[in-house]
Amino acid sequence: HVSTLVAAARYDGPMRAIIQAFKYAGHQTLDVPLARRLSDHPGLDLRHIDVVVPVPLHPWRRLVRGFNQAERLARHLGPPVLHALSRTHWTPAQASLHADARERNVQDAFALARHVTSGGRRRLRGTLSGARVLLVDDVVTTGGTMSACARVLREAGARDVRAAAVARTEK
């Protein structure tokens, strides 16, 4: 579903501690060095990206955390950030699930952004039509979340959906 998946580091040891400090301990200023690490990855060529789409959090999770870590990373990559997706329902955190349950967990969890009016949704589809999209998240394991998001973006007209994460866990 994604044409390319880039992960800048393994999610272990120091990188795990850094990302957890970023997400859960209020160290939001880590977004700049983490985004730089991602943008410096040799497999990621941002010159061929039209828009960056952060993987959305469920509104409740965003309220509790106070921010969306993927959105914070996306803002520092360069191309325009497009809030094209929304979560359709709450799902358990992927980290809490076994690999075989992760894809089922997010199968229908995303849709084209619901916070916009019908006119806004038409403009959103217009922006996505033929676009080269970079989907961004902090950590990827099986790629189930990225695939579910990419499916929605392609259905909305995106020409190419690539995915990037700061770190990748061992499956």
Protein backbone atom coordinates (compact mmCIF):
# COMPACT_ATOMS: atom_id res chain seq x y z
CA HIS A 1 0.00 0.00 0.00
CA VAL A 2 2.92 2.35 0.56
CA SER A 3 5.47 2.50 -2.25
CA THR A 4 8.41 3.08 0.10
CA LEU A 5 8.83 2.82 3.86
CA VAL A 6 11.79 4.52 5.49
CA ALA A 7 12.68 4.19 9.17
CA ALA A 8 15.59 6.28 10.39
CA ALA A 9 16.58 4.07 13.34
CA ARG A 10 15.79 0.93 15.27
CA TYR A 11 13.37 1.39 18.15
CA ASP A 12 15.58 0.11 20.91
CA GLY A 13 17.82 1.35 23.71
CA PRO A 14 18.52 5.09 23.48
CA MET A 15 16.10 5.72 20.59
CA ARG A 16 13.25 4.09 22.50
CA ALA A 17 14.00 6.30 25.53
CA ILE A 18 14.15 9.43 23.35
CA ILE A 19 10.83 8.72 21.61
CA GLN A 20 9.13 7.85 24.89
CA ALA A 21 10.41 11.11 26.42
CA PHE A 22 9.06 12.95 23.37
CA LYS A 23 5.61 11.30 23.47
CA TYR A 24 4.94 10.75 27.15
CA ALA A 25 7.24 12.93 29.26
CA GLY A 26 6.56 16.33 27.72
CA HIS A 27 9.88 16.76 25.90
CA GLN A 28 8.22 18.16 22.80
CA THR A 29 11.37 20.03 21.72
CA LEU A 30 12.74 16.66 20.63
CA ASP A 31 10.59 17.05 17.51
CA VAL A 32 13.29 19.08 15.73
CA PRO A 33 16.22 16.64 16.11
CA LEU A 34 13.95 13.64 15.46
CA ALA A 35 12.57 15.25 12.29
CA ARG A 36 16.11 16.15 11.20
CA ARG A 37 17.20 12.56 11.69
CA LEU A 38 14.30 11.47 9.52
CA SER A 39 14.85 14.08 6.78
CA ASP A 40 18.57 13.22 6.64
CA HIS A 41 17.84 9.56 5.89
CA PRO A 42 19.37 8.69 2.48
CA GLY A 43 16.23 6.79 1.45
CA LEU A 44 13.99 9.83 1.85
CA ASP A 45 14.04 12.40 -0.95
CA LEU A 46 11.74 15.23 0.08
CA ARG A 47 12.20 17.00 -3.28
CA HIS A 48 9.71 14.51 -4.74
CA ILE A 49 7.03 15.04 -2.08
CA ASP A 50 4.08 17.40 -2.58
CA VAL A 51 2.51 17.13 0.89
CA VAL A 52 3.29 15.51 4.23
CA VAL A 53 0.40 13.82 6.04
CA PRO A 54 0.83 12.97 9.72
CA VAL A 55 -0.82 9.79 11.00
CA PRO A 56 -3.71 11.10 13.11
CA LEU A 57 -4.39 10.29 16.73
CA HIS A 58 -7.87 9.62 18.02
CA PRO A 59 -9.22 12.92 19.43
CA TRP A 60 -9.32 11.51 22.96
CA ARG A 61 -5.70 10.33 22.79
CA ARG A 62 -4.66 13.70 21.39
CA LEU A 63 -6.49 15.49 24.19
CA VAL A 64 -4.80 13.35 26.86
CA ARG A 65 -1.33 13.68 25.30
CA GLY A 66 -1.81 17.32 24.36
CA PHE A 67 -0.32 16.96 20.88
CA ASN A 68 0.12 14.57 17.97
CA GLN A 69 3.76 13.49 17.76
CA ALA A 70 3.49 12.67 14.03
CA GLU A 71 2.16 16.17 13.35
CA ARG A 72 5.04 17.76 15.26
CA LEU A 73 7.54 15.74 13.23
CA ALA A 74 5.78 16.54 9.94
CA ARG A 75 5.99 20.31 10.55
CA HIS A 76 9.79 20.20 10.42
CA LEU A 77 10.26 18.21 7.21
CA GLY A 78 9.77 21.04 4.71
CA PRO A 79 6.86 20.22 2.36
CA PRO A 80 3.41 21.53 3.32
CA VAL A 81 1.59 19.57 6.01
CA LEU A 82 -1.89 18.41 5.08
CA HIS A 83 -4.23 17.13 7.79
CA ALA A 84 -5.93 14.77 5.37
CA LEU A 85 -6.86 11.92 7.71
CA SER A 86 -8.89 11.36 10.83
CA ARG A 87 -9.47 8.38 13.08
CA THR A 88 -12.95 6.95 12.68
CA HIS A 89 -12.94 5.24 16.08
CA TRP A 90 -10.73 4.61 19.08
CA THR A 91 -8.35 1.66 18.82
CA PRO A 92 -6.01 0.17 21.40
CA ALA A 93 -2.41 1.32 21.01
CA GLN A 94 -0.59 -0.82 18.46
CA ALA A 95 2.27 -1.34 20.91
CA SER A 96 -0.08 -3.28 23.19
CA LEU A 97 -0.99 -5.85 20.50
CA HIS A 98 0.62 -8.92 19.00
CA ALA A 99 1.72 -8.60 15.39
CA ASP A 100 -1.21 -10.59 13.97
CA ALA A 101 -3.77 -8.32 15.68
CA ARG A 102 -2.22 -5.02 14.60
CA GLU A 103 -3.52 -4.96 11.04
CA ARG A 104 -7.05 -5.92 12.14
CA ASN A 105 -6.90 -3.22 14.81
CA VAL A 106 -6.50 -0.40 12.29
CA GLN A 107 -8.25 -1.91 9.28
CA ASP A 108 -11.13 0.61 9.18
CA ALA A 109 -9.78 3.10 11.71
CA PHE A 110 -8.99 5.92 9.24
CA ALA A 111 -10.96 8.08 6.84
CA LEU A 112 -10.54 11.26 4.91
CA ALA A 113 -10.54 14.13 7.40
CA ARG A 114 -13.96 14.55 8.98
CA HIS A 115 -13.33 17.93 10.57
CA VAL A 116 -13.83 19.78 7.30
CA THR A 117 -17.06 20.76 5.57
CA SER A 118 -18.19 19.01 2.39
CA GLY A 119 -16.62 21.86 0.40
CA GLY A 120 -13.44 21.46 2.38
CA ARG A 121 -13.47 17.74 1.68
CA ARG A 122 -13.75 18.47 -2.06
CA ARG A 123 -10.74 20.82 -1.80
CA LEU A 124 -8.88 18.16 0.17
CA ARG A 125 -9.56 15.59 -2.57
CA GLY A 126 -8.41 18.16 -5.12
CA THR A 127 -5.14 18.66 -3.25
CA LEU A 128 -4.59 14.91 -2.98
CA SER A 129 -5.48 14.21 -6.61
CA GLY A 130 -2.24 13.20 -8.30
CA ALA A 131 -0.17 14.20 -5.25
CA ARG A 132 3.00 12.55 -4.05
CA VAL A 133 2.36 12.07 -0.35
CA LEU A 134 4.69 11.34 2.54
CA LEU A 135 2.88 9.70 5.44
CA VAL A 136 4.70 10.32 8.74
CA ASP A 137 4.63 8.61 12.13
CA ASP A 138 7.05 8.23 15.00
CA VAL A 139 7.33 4.43 15.21
CA VAL A 140 6.38 1.65 12.80
CA THR A 141 6.25 -2.08 13.53
CA THR A 142 4.28 -4.12 11.02
CA GLY A 143 3.24 -1.19 8.84
CA GLY A 144 -0.47 -1.87 9.45
CA THR A 145 -1.24 1.72 10.43
CA MET A 146 0.71 3.09 7.47
CA SER A 147 -1.06 0.69 5.07
CA ALA A 148 -4.51 1.59 6.41
CA CYS A 149 -3.75 5.32 6.04
CA ALA A 150 -2.23 4.86 2.58
CA ARG A 151 -5.35 3.05 1.39
CA VAL A 152 -7.51 6.08 2.29
CA LEU A 153 -5.07 8.50 0.65
CA ARG A 154 -4.96 6.47 -2.56
CA GLU A 155 -8.76 6.21 -2.65
CA ALA A 156 -8.81 10.02 -2.38
CA GLY A 157 -6.59 10.29 -5.46
CA ALA A 158 -2.99 10.35 -4.23
CA ARG A 159 -0.65 9.20 -7.00
CA ASP A 160 2.10 7.92 -4.72
CA VAL A 161 2.13 7.33 -0.97
CA ARG A 162 5.47 6.88 0.75
CA ALA A 163 5.85 6.39 4.48
CA ALA A 164 8.50 7.46 6.94
CA ALA A 165 8.98 6.87 10.64
CA VAL A 166 11.68 7.91 13.03
CA ALA A 167 12.11 4.33 14.25
CA ARG A 168 11.11 0.79 13.45
CA THR A 169 10.58 -1.96 16.01
CA GLU A 170 11.66 -5.52 15.51
CA LYS A 171 8.58 -7.50 14.48
